[in-house]
Amino acid sequence: MKTKLVPAEMYARMMSMDMSEIARYLEETQYKDEIDALSKDYSGVELIEHATFANMANTFRKLERVSIDEPSFLILEYLRRWDVWNIKDALARQVLWGIRHGYRKIFRACRRVNP
């Protein structure tokens, strides 16, 4: 699996690329299946983010499938940490969205009623 990693020197080159160029480069690597599958629904940063997370999920599923006992347990525990992080991130986004959109309207309406 180590041979599937993006070479370190490519990271510096990717810093000078735009998002479509990065997606094209990643499509030439082990991310091809995920990018092809997700490109009809996403583009740019969202495509890269979803494709890399989907690839990571597939990799962990494969590792969990071939591992036995203790390694399998450790992989599942590591993935649970990701679940917790994702839940916290989703909640934080909902709160920020509410602050930016919903709560302002409520505060404006209250000011009109109680000047």
C-alpha atoms as a PDB file:
ATOM      1  CA  MET A   1       0.000   0.000   0.000  1.00  0.00           C
ATOM      2  CA  LYS A   2       2.911   2.330   0.595  1.00  0.00           C
ATOM      3  CA  THR A   3       3.611   2.372  -3.142  1.00  0.00           C
ATOM      4  CA  LYS A   4       0.171   3.901  -3.728  1.00  0.00           C
ATOM      5  CA  LEU A   5       0.999   7.046  -1.750  1.00  0.00           C
ATOM      6  CA  VAL A   6       1.399  10.320  -3.639  1.00  0.00           C
ATOM      7  CA  PRO A   7       5.147  11.053  -3.838  1.00  0.00           C
ATOM      8  CA  ALA A   8       6.373  13.782  -1.492  1.00  0.00           C
ATOM      9  CA  GLU A   9       7.750  15.923  -4.329  1.00  0.00           C
ATOM     10  CA  MET A  10       4.267  16.048  -5.903  1.00  0.00           C
ATOM     11  CA  TYR A  11       2.851  17.988  -2.954  1.00  0.00           C
ATOM     12  CA  ALA A  12       5.026  21.011  -3.760  1.00  0.00           C
ATOM     13  CA  ARG A  13       3.949  20.820  -7.416  1.00  0.00           C
ATOM     14  CA  MET A  14       0.294  20.561  -6.453  1.00  0.00           C
ATOM     15  CA  MET A  15       0.564  23.809  -4.510  1.00  0.00           C
ATOM     16  CA  SER A  16       1.023  25.636  -7.829  1.00  0.00           C
ATOM     17  CA  MET A  17      -1.856  23.829  -9.582  1.00  0.00           C
ATOM     18  CA  ASP A  18      -5.495  24.852  -9.666  1.00  0.00           C
ATOM     19  CA  MET A  19      -8.185  22.477  -8.418  1.00  0.00           C
ATOM     20  CA  SER A  20      -9.035  20.989 -11.819  1.00  0.00           C
ATOM     21  CA  GLU A  21      -5.357  20.178 -12.438  1.00  0.00           C
ATOM     22  CA  ILE A  22      -5.082  18.508  -9.029  1.00  0.00           C
ATOM     23  CA  ALA A  23      -8.211  16.460  -9.741  1.00  0.00           C
ATOM     24  CA  ARG A  24      -6.789  15.410 -13.132  1.00  0.00           C
ATOM     25  CA  TYR A  25      -3.509  14.390 -11.492  1.00  0.00           C
ATOM     26  CA  LEU A  26      -5.281  12.416  -8.772  1.00  0.00           C
ATOM     27  CA  GLU A  27      -7.349  10.706 -11.450  1.00  0.00           C
ATOM     28  CA  GLU A  28      -4.101   9.173 -12.720  1.00  0.00           C
ATOM     29  CA  THR A  29      -3.438   7.629  -9.288  1.00  0.00           C
ATOM     30  CA  GLN A  30      -5.323   5.228  -7.008  1.00  0.00           C
ATOM     31  CA  TYR A  31      -8.089   7.851  -6.655  1.00  0.00           C
ATOM     32  CA  LYS A  32      -9.316   7.264 -10.227  1.00  0.00           C
ATOM     33  CA  ASP A  33     -12.377   5.162  -9.358  1.00  0.00           C
ATOM     34  CA  GLU A  34     -13.583   7.607  -6.706  1.00  0.00           C
ATOM     35  CA  ILE A  35     -13.014  10.687  -8.877  1.00  0.00           C
ATOM     36  CA  ASP A  36     -14.796   9.082 -11.833  1.00  0.00           C
ATOM     37  CA  ALA A  37     -17.745   8.083  -9.650  1.00  0.00           C
ATOM     38  CA  LEU A  38     -18.063  11.439  -7.881  1.00  0.00           C
ATOM     39  CA  SER A  39     -17.251  13.839 -10.738  1.00  0.00           C
ATOM     40  CA  LYS A  40     -20.872  13.973 -11.897  1.00  0.00           C
ATOM     41  CA  ASP A  41     -21.978  15.291  -8.498  1.00  0.00           C
ATOM     42  CA  TYR A  42     -18.991  17.385  -7.379  1.00  0.00           C
ATOM     43  CA  SER A  43     -16.237  19.572  -8.794  1.00  0.00           C
ATOM     44  CA  GLY A  44     -13.193  21.441  -7.555  1.00  0.00           C
ATOM     45  CA  VAL A  45     -12.385  21.226  -3.878  1.00  0.00           C
ATOM     46  CA  GLU A  46     -15.527  19.234  -3.061  1.00  0.00           C
ATOM     47  CA  LEU A  47     -14.614  16.587  -5.652  1.00  0.00           C
ATOM     48  CA  ILE A  48     -11.098  16.231  -4.269  1.00  0.00           C
ATOM     49  CA  GLU A  49     -12.333  16.116  -0.679  1.00  0.00           C
ATOM     50  CA  HIS A  50     -15.046  13.539  -1.327  1.00  0.00           C
ATOM     51  CA  ALA A  51     -12.774  11.397  -3.526  1.00  0.00           C
ATOM     52  CA  THR A  52      -9.937  11.293  -0.996  1.00  0.00           C
ATOM     53  CA  PHE A  53     -12.302  10.462   1.876  1.00  0.00           C
ATOM     54  CA  ALA A  54     -14.028   7.762  -0.204  1.00  0.00           C
ATOM     55  CA  ASN A  55     -10.640   6.283  -1.082  1.00  0.00           C
ATOM     56  CA  MET A  56      -9.597   6.327   2.563  1.00  0.00           C
ATOM     57  CA  ALA A  57     -12.842   4.590   3.554  1.00  0.00           C
ATOM     58  CA  ASN A  58     -12.308   1.917   0.898  1.00  0.00           C
ATOM     59  CA  THR A  59      -8.721   1.410   2.071  1.00  0.00           C
ATOM     60  CA  PHE A  60      -9.794   1.000   5.699  1.00  0.00           C
ATOM     61  CA  ARG A  61     -12.551  -1.418   4.670  1.00  0.00           C
ATOM     62  CA  LYS A  62      -9.967  -3.504   2.825  1.00  0.00           C
ATOM     63  CA  LEU A  63      -7.583  -3.421   5.801  1.00  0.00           C
ATOM     64  CA  GLU A  64     -10.352  -4.412   8.189  1.00  0.00           C
ATOM     65  CA  ARG A  65     -11.448  -7.233   5.888  1.00  0.00           C
ATOM     66  CA  VAL A  66      -7.967  -8.806   5.698  1.00  0.00           C
ATOM     67  CA  SER A  67      -6.998  -8.282   9.342  1.00  0.00           C
ATOM     68  CA  ILE A  68      -7.779 -10.650  12.199  1.00  0.00           C
ATOM     69  CA  ASP A  69      -8.479 -10.091  15.913  1.00  0.00           C
ATOM     70  CA  GLU A  70      -6.430  -7.278  17.480  1.00  0.00           C
ATOM     71  CA  PRO A  71      -5.511  -5.365  14.277  1.00  0.00           C
ATOM     72  CA  SER A  72      -9.143  -5.474  13.174  1.00  0.00           C
ATOM     73  CA  PHE A  73     -10.247  -4.120  16.560  1.00  0.00           C
ATOM     74  CA  LEU A  74      -7.664  -1.303  16.403  1.00  0.00           C
ATOM     75  CA  ILE A  75      -8.750  -0.314  12.905  1.00  0.00           C
ATOM     76  CA  LEU A  76     -12.379  -0.124  14.003  1.00  0.00           C
ATOM     77  CA  GLU A  77     -11.457   1.956  17.052  1.00  0.00           C
ATOM     78  CA  TYR A  78      -9.496   4.359  14.865  1.00  0.00           C
ATOM     79  CA  LEU A  79     -12.489   4.691  12.550  1.00  0.00           C
ATOM     80  CA  ARG A  80     -14.743   5.442  15.524  1.00  0.00           C
ATOM     81  CA  ARG A  81     -12.541   8.463  16.247  1.00  0.00           C
ATOM     82  CA  TRP A  82     -13.288   9.650  12.700  1.00  0.00           C
ATOM     83  CA  ASP A  83     -17.018   9.160  13.347  1.00  0.00           C
ATOM     84  CA  VAL A  84     -16.847  11.344  16.444  1.00  0.00           C
ATOM     85  CA  TRP A  85     -14.874  14.012  14.584  1.00  0.00           C
ATOM     86  CA  ASN A  86     -17.376  13.982  11.698  1.00  0.00           C
ATOM     87  CA  ILE A  87     -20.340  14.335  14.067  1.00  0.00           C
ATOM     88  CA  LYS A  88     -18.690  17.261  15.869  1.00  0.00           C
ATOM     89  CA  ASP A  89     -17.874  18.882  12.521  1.00  0.00           C
ATOM     90  CA  ALA A  90     -21.457  18.481  11.282  1.00  0.00           C
ATOM     91  CA  LEU A  91     -22.842  20.014  14.485  1.00  0.00           C
ATOM     92  CA  ALA A  92     -20.419  22.935  14.289  1.00  0.00           C
ATOM     93  CA  ARG A  93     -21.430  23.590  10.670  1.00  0.00           C
ATOM     94  CA  GLN A  94     -25.108  23.569  11.632  1.00  0.00           C
ATOM     95  CA  VAL A  95     -24.503  26.070  14.425  1.00  0.00           C
ATOM     96  CA  LEU A  96     -22.471  28.336  12.132  1.00  0.00           C
ATOM     97  CA  TRP A  97     -25.118  28.110   9.425  1.00  0.00           C
ATOM     98  CA  GLY A  98     -27.789  29.013  11.947  1.00  0.00           C
ATOM     99  CA  ILE A  99     -25.807  31.989  13.192  1.00  0.00           C
ATOM    100  CA  ARG A 100     -25.181  33.232   9.656  1.00  0.00           C
ATOM    101  CA  HIS A 101     -28.698  32.753   8.336  1.00  0.00           C
ATOM    102  CA  GLY A 102     -31.485  31.913  10.726  1.00  0.00           C
ATOM    103  CA  TYR A 103     -30.660  33.693  13.937  1.00  0.00           C
ATOM    104  CA  ARG A 104     -30.111  37.082  12.291  1.00  0.00           C
ATOM    105  CA  LYS A 105     -33.645  37.050  10.883  1.00  0.00           C
ATOM    106  CA  ILE A 106     -35.060  36.200  14.292  1.00  0.00           C
ATOM    107  CA  PHE A 107     -33.069  39.000  15.962  1.00  0.00           C
ATOM    108  CA  ARG A 108     -34.215  41.524  13.328  1.00  0.00           C
ATOM    109  CA  ALA A 109     -37.833  40.497  13.809  1.00  0.00           C
ATOM    110  CA  CYS A 110     -37.501  40.880  17.603  1.00  0.00           C
ATOM    111  CA  ARG A 111     -36.011  44.358  17.222  1.00  0.00           C
ATOM    112  CA  ARG A 112     -38.945  45.444  15.067  1.00  0.00           C
ATOM    113  CA  VAL A 113     -41.443  44.243  17.646  1.00  0.00           C
ATOM    114  CA  ASN A 114     -39.484  45.574  20.679  1.00  0.00           C
ATOM    115  CA  PRO A 115     -37.561  48.698  19.577  1.00  0.00           C
END
